[in-house]
């Protein structure tokens, strides 16, 4: 199998020093703000992003341990689930994804809201959220729809640290 390597294009700065106690999804702390600082050679790539309300951050889970079990107990449930049916942060390829609100852009700095990322996270890519592309008109939320947990009240614990 081919090895795939990526170089970070910047760093995500947030108020969350470590994963413990951090919101498990952006809706968990809508007041949380962060700053995405791109390496200077990528600054021009932010042109026109200010016309979008939200963007998708792709990043490397740098905090926490290696090793992913294919069966996990997710934050919103007490039942073991298949890893790929969860948003658990321990993944075979430690790639994270967050949809955040675009607050402002100044040169190579993007200020975002609704962030759920650990401070100092290496950024791999940014993509605009486009409702016609990214938001299906009909979705099923699988086991999450039956969860009695309130995502807004949940924070990360030691399950995936």
C-alpha atoms as a PDB file:
ATOM      1  CA  UNK A   1       0.000   0.000   0.000  1.00  0.00           C
ATOM      2  CA  UNK A   2       1.196   3.502  -0.830  1.00  0.00           C
ATOM      3  CA  UNK A   3       2.277   5.741   2.048  1.00  0.00           C
ATOM      4  CA  UNK A   4       0.556   9.113   2.108  1.00  0.00           C
ATOM      5  CA  UNK A   5       2.196  12.116   3.787  1.00  0.00           C
ATOM      6  CA  UNK A   6       0.884  15.626   4.349  1.00  0.00           C
ATOM      7  CA  UNK A   7       2.562  18.826   5.449  1.00  0.00           C
ATOM      8  CA  UNK A   8       0.514  21.177   7.632  1.00  0.00           C
ATOM      9  CA  UNK A   9      -0.423  24.467   5.959  1.00  0.00           C
ATOM     10  CA  UNK A  10      -0.926  26.274   9.254  1.00  0.00           C
ATOM     11  CA  UNK A  11      -1.979  25.960  12.891  1.00  0.00           C
ATOM     12  CA  UNK A  12      -5.329  26.199  14.691  1.00  0.00           C
ATOM     13  CA  UNK A  13      -5.276  28.146  17.970  1.00  0.00           C
ATOM     14  CA  UNK A  14      -8.144  27.745  20.444  1.00  0.00           C
ATOM     15  CA  UNK A  15      -8.916  28.168  24.150  1.00  0.00           C
ATOM     16  CA  UNK A  16      -8.695  24.378  24.678  1.00  0.00           C
ATOM     17  CA  UNK A  17      -5.255  23.382  25.970  1.00  0.00           C
ATOM     18  CA  UNK A  18      -6.006  19.641  25.915  1.00  0.00           C
ATOM     19  CA  UNK A  19      -8.859  17.359  24.819  1.00  0.00           C
ATOM     20  CA  UNK A  20     -10.146  16.669  28.348  1.00  0.00           C
ATOM     21  CA  UNK A  21     -13.212  18.856  28.947  1.00  0.00           C
ATOM     22  CA  UNK A  22     -13.305  20.221  25.393  1.00  0.00           C
ATOM     23  CA  UNK A  23     -16.653  20.273  23.526  1.00  0.00           C
ATOM     24  CA  UNK A  24     -17.146  17.046  21.566  1.00  0.00           C
ATOM     25  CA  UNK A  25     -18.649  18.876  18.576  1.00  0.00           C
ATOM     26  CA  UNK A  26     -18.849  22.550  17.561  1.00  0.00           C
ATOM     27  CA  UNK A  27     -22.435  22.790  18.840  1.00  0.00           C
ATOM     28  CA  UNK A  28     -21.086  22.015  22.311  1.00  0.00           C
ATOM     29  CA  UNK A  29     -19.677  25.525  22.757  1.00  0.00           C
ATOM     30  CA  UNK A  30     -20.971  27.949  20.154  1.00  0.00           C
ATOM     31  CA  UNK A  31     -19.179  30.807  21.911  1.00  0.00           C
ATOM     32  CA  UNK A  32     -15.736  29.229  21.440  1.00  0.00           C
ATOM     33  CA  UNK A  33     -13.561  31.249  19.081  1.00  0.00           C
ATOM     34  CA  UNK A  34     -10.322  30.257  17.459  1.00  0.00           C
ATOM     35  CA  UNK A  35      -7.708  31.591  15.090  1.00  0.00           C
ATOM     36  CA  UNK A  36      -6.389  29.683  12.122  1.00  0.00           C
ATOM     37  CA  UNK A  37      -2.956  30.976  11.140  1.00  0.00           C
ATOM     38  CA  UNK A  38      -1.864  29.871   7.680  1.00  0.00           C
ATOM     39  CA  UNK A  39       1.743  29.737   6.656  1.00  0.00           C
ATOM     40  CA  UNK A  40       2.339  32.976   4.678  1.00  0.00           C
ATOM     41  CA  UNK A  41       2.618  31.238   1.299  1.00  0.00           C
ATOM     42  CA  UNK A  42      -1.042  30.114   1.644  1.00  0.00           C
ATOM     43  CA  UNK A  43      -2.510  33.515   2.627  1.00  0.00           C
ATOM     44  CA  UNK A  44      -3.835  34.242  -0.880  1.00  0.00           C
ATOM     45  CA  UNK A  45      -5.883  31.050  -0.621  1.00  0.00           C
ATOM     46  CA  UNK A  46      -8.171  32.811   1.879  1.00  0.00           C
ATOM     47  CA  UNK A  47      -9.311  35.277  -0.804  1.00  0.00           C
ATOM     48  CA  UNK A  48     -13.126  35.187  -1.150  1.00  0.00           C
ATOM     49  CA  UNK A  49     -13.632  32.822   1.826  1.00  0.00           C
ATOM     50  CA  UNK A  50     -15.194  35.759   3.711  1.00  0.00           C
ATOM     51  CA  UNK A  51     -18.276  35.383   1.504  1.00  0.00           C
ATOM     52  CA  UNK A  52     -19.083  32.040   3.166  1.00  0.00           C
ATOM     53  CA  UNK A  53     -20.750  31.715   6.568  1.00  0.00           C
ATOM     54  CA  UNK A  54     -18.947  28.457   7.391  1.00  0.00           C
ATOM     55  CA  UNK A  55     -15.914  26.462   6.360  1.00  0.00           C
ATOM     56  CA  UNK A  56     -14.595  22.976   6.940  1.00  0.00           C
ATOM     57  CA  UNK A  57     -11.265  22.580   8.714  1.00  0.00           C
ATOM     58  CA  UNK A  58      -9.329  19.374   8.066  1.00  0.00           C
ATOM     59  CA  UNK A  59      -6.584  18.754  10.587  1.00  0.00           C
ATOM     60  CA  UNK A  60      -4.289  16.256  12.250  1.00  0.00           C
ATOM     61  CA  UNK A  61      -5.299  14.965  15.702  1.00  0.00           C
ATOM     62  CA  UNK A  62      -1.968  15.722  17.372  1.00  0.00           C
ATOM     63  CA  UNK A  63      -3.142  15.439  20.990  1.00  0.00           C
ATOM     64  CA  UNK A  64      -3.915  12.013  22.358  1.00  0.00           C
ATOM     65  CA  UNK A  65      -2.595   8.551  21.815  1.00  0.00           C
ATOM     66  CA  UNK A  66      -2.052   6.480  18.689  1.00  0.00           C
ATOM     67  CA  UNK A  67      -4.014   3.332  18.089  1.00  0.00           C
ATOM     68  CA  UNK A  68      -7.656   3.023  17.092  1.00  0.00           C
ATOM     69  CA  UNK A  69     -10.004   0.278  18.155  1.00  0.00           C
ATOM     70  CA  UNK A  70     -12.605  -0.634  15.552  1.00  0.00           C
ATOM     71  CA  UNK A  71     -15.221  -0.773  18.338  1.00  0.00           C
ATOM     72  CA  UNK A  72     -15.684   2.214  20.676  1.00  0.00           C
ATOM     73  CA  UNK A  73     -18.138   3.567  23.226  1.00  0.00           C
ATOM     74  CA  UNK A  74     -18.896   7.039  21.818  1.00  0.00           C
ATOM     75  CA  UNK A  75     -19.505  10.108  23.964  1.00  0.00           C
ATOM     76  CA  UNK A  76     -23.249  10.126  23.243  1.00  0.00           C
ATOM     77  CA  UNK A  77     -23.941   6.468  24.001  1.00  0.00           C
ATOM     78  CA  UNK A  78     -23.176   3.639  26.402  1.00  0.00           C
ATOM     79  CA  UNK A  79     -23.197   0.981  23.679  1.00  0.00           C
ATOM     80  CA  UNK A  80     -20.124  -0.166  21.764  1.00  0.00           C
ATOM     81  CA  UNK A  81     -20.313   1.062  18.160  1.00  0.00           C
ATOM     82  CA  UNK A  82     -18.202   0.525  15.072  1.00  0.00           C
ATOM     83  CA  UNK A  83     -15.536   3.241  14.864  1.00  0.00           C
ATOM     84  CA  UNK A  84     -16.682   4.427  11.449  1.00  0.00           C
ATOM     85  CA  UNK A  85     -20.225   4.968  12.791  1.00  0.00           C
ATOM     86  CA  UNK A  86     -18.854   7.469  15.340  1.00  0.00           C
ATOM     87  CA  UNK A  87     -16.951  10.731  15.498  1.00  0.00           C
ATOM     88  CA  UNK A  88     -14.437   9.300  17.998  1.00  0.00           C
ATOM     89  CA  UNK A  89     -11.098  11.134  17.680  1.00  0.00           C
ATOM     90  CA  UNK A  90      -8.863   8.041  17.718  1.00  0.00           C
ATOM     91  CA  UNK A  91      -8.771   7.043  14.063  1.00  0.00           C
ATOM     92  CA  UNK A  92      -6.472   4.832  11.956  1.00  0.00           C
ATOM     93  CA  UNK A  93      -5.397   8.050  10.183  1.00  0.00           C
ATOM     94  CA  UNK A  94      -5.632  10.807  12.754  1.00  0.00           C
ATOM     95  CA  UNK A  95      -7.610  13.173  10.528  1.00  0.00           C
ATOM     96  CA  UNK A  96     -10.151  15.517  12.094  1.00  0.00           C
ATOM     97  CA  UNK A  97     -12.900  17.548  10.493  1.00  0.00           C
ATOM     98  CA  UNK A  98     -14.814  20.499  11.965  1.00  0.00           C
ATOM     99  CA  UNK A  99     -17.405  22.806  10.475  1.00  0.00           C
ATOM    100  CA  UNK A 100     -16.791  26.272  11.920  1.00  0.00           C
ATOM    101  CA  UNK A 101     -18.264  29.709  11.302  1.00  0.00           C
ATOM    102  CA  UNK A 102     -16.157  32.232   9.394  1.00  0.00           C
ATOM    103  CA  UNK A 103     -15.855  35.350  11.555  1.00  0.00           C
ATOM    104  CA  UNK A 104     -13.153  37.392   9.842  1.00  0.00           C
ATOM    105  CA  UNK A 105     -10.024  37.218   7.719  1.00  0.00           C
ATOM    106  CA  UNK A 106      -6.937  39.367   8.124  1.00  0.00           C
ATOM    107  CA  UNK A 107      -4.005  38.539   5.841  1.00  0.00           C
ATOM    108  CA  UNK A 108      -3.074  34.926   6.749  1.00  0.00           C
ATOM    109  CA  UNK A 109      -5.318  34.739   9.841  1.00  0.00           C
ATOM    110  CA  UNK A 110      -8.838  33.353   9.826  1.00  0.00           C
ATOM    111  CA  UNK A 111     -10.947  33.913  12.943  1.00  0.00           C
ATOM    112  CA  UNK A 112     -13.549  31.180  13.411  1.00  0.00           C
ATOM    113  CA  UNK A 113     -16.442  30.482  15.758  1.00  0.00           C
ATOM    114  CA  UNK A 114     -17.976  27.255  17.053  1.00  0.00           C
ATOM    115  CA  UNK A 115     -14.547  25.627  17.273  1.00  0.00           C
ATOM    116  CA  UNK A 116     -13.948  22.246  18.944  1.00  0.00           C
ATOM    117  CA  UNK A 117     -10.239  21.735  18.301  1.00  0.00           C
ATOM    118  CA  UNK A 118      -7.274  21.484  20.679  1.00  0.00           C
ATOM    119  CA  UNK A 119      -4.935  24.492  20.738  1.00  0.00           C
ATOM    120  CA  UNK A 120      -1.932  24.136  18.442  1.00  0.00           C
ATOM    121  CA  UNK A 121      -3.570  21.632  16.069  1.00  0.00           C
ATOM    122  CA  UNK A 122      -1.813  21.256  12.695  1.00  0.00           C
ATOM    123  CA  UNK A 123      -4.095  22.379   9.845  1.00  0.00           C
ATOM    124  CA  UNK A 124      -4.183  20.262   6.669  1.00  0.00           C
ATOM    125  CA  UNK A 125      -6.805  22.059   4.566  1.00  0.00           C
ATOM    126  CA  UNK A 126      -9.749  24.483   4.520  1.00  0.00           C
ATOM    127  CA  UNK A 127     -12.830  24.088   2.337  1.00  0.00           C
ATOM    128  CA  UNK A 128     -15.913  26.308   2.126  1.00  0.00           C
ATOM    129  CA  UNK A 129     -19.177  24.792   3.345  1.00  0.00           C
ATOM    130  CA  UNK A 130     -21.617  24.977   0.451  1.00  0.00           C
ATOM    131  CA  UNK A 131     -25.213  24.117   1.355  1.00  0.00           C
ATOM    132  CA  UNK A 132     -26.057  22.848  -2.127  1.00  0.00           C
ATOM    133  CA  UNK A 133     -23.051  20.495  -2.057  1.00  0.00           C
ATOM    134  CA  UNK A 134     -22.653  19.546   1.598  1.00  0.00           C
ATOM    135  CA  UNK A 135     -26.127  19.497   3.113  1.00  0.00           C
ATOM    136  CA  UNK A 136     -28.319  16.684   1.772  1.00  0.00           C
ATOM    137  CA  UNK A 137     -32.044  17.406   1.730  1.00  0.00           C
ATOM    138  CA  UNK A 138     -32.723  14.195   3.668  1.00  0.00           C
ATOM    139  CA  UNK A 139     -30.477  12.449   6.177  1.00  0.00           C
ATOM    140  CA  UNK A 140     -30.663   9.625   8.709  1.00  0.00           C
ATOM    141  CA  UNK A 141     -28.665  10.009  11.928  1.00  0.00           C
ATOM    142  CA  UNK A 142     -28.365   6.276  12.722  1.00  0.00           C
ATOM    143  CA  UNK A 143     -27.910   5.387  16.389  1.00  0.00           C
ATOM    144  CA  UNK A 144     -27.276   9.051  17.307  1.00  0.00           C
ATOM    145  CA  UNK A 145     -30.957   9.866  16.671  1.00  0.00           C
ATOM    146  CA  UNK A 146     -31.905   7.506  19.525  1.00  0.00           C
ATOM    147  CA  UNK A 147     -29.311   8.844  21.964  1.00  0.00           C
ATOM    148  CA  UNK A 148     -30.703  10.531  25.025  1.00  0.00           C
ATOM    149  CA  UNK A 149     -27.520  12.513  25.493  1.00  0.00           C
ATOM    150  CA  UNK A 150     -27.428  16.238  24.799  1.00  0.00           C
ATOM    151  CA  UNK A 151     -24.426  17.033  22.582  1.00  0.00           C
ATOM    152  CA  UNK A 152     -24.420  20.645  23.793  1.00  0.00           C
ATOM    153  CA  UNK A 153     -23.822  19.447  27.359  1.00  0.00           C
ATOM    154  CA  UNK A 154     -21.156  16.832  26.579  1.00  0.00           C
ATOM    155  CA  UNK A 155     -17.432  17.414  26.797  1.00  0.00           C
ATOM    156  CA  UNK A 156     -14.567  15.074  26.059  1.00  0.00           C
ATOM    157  CA  UNK A 157     -13.437  12.715  28.776  1.00  0.00           C
ATOM    158  CA  UNK A 158     -10.594  10.217  29.087  1.00  0.00           C
ATOM    159  CA  UNK A 159     -12.044   7.642  26.647  1.00  0.00           C
ATOM    160  CA  UNK A 160     -10.024   8.909  23.702  1.00  0.00           C
ATOM    161  CA  UNK A 161      -7.105  10.763  25.276  1.00  0.00           C
END
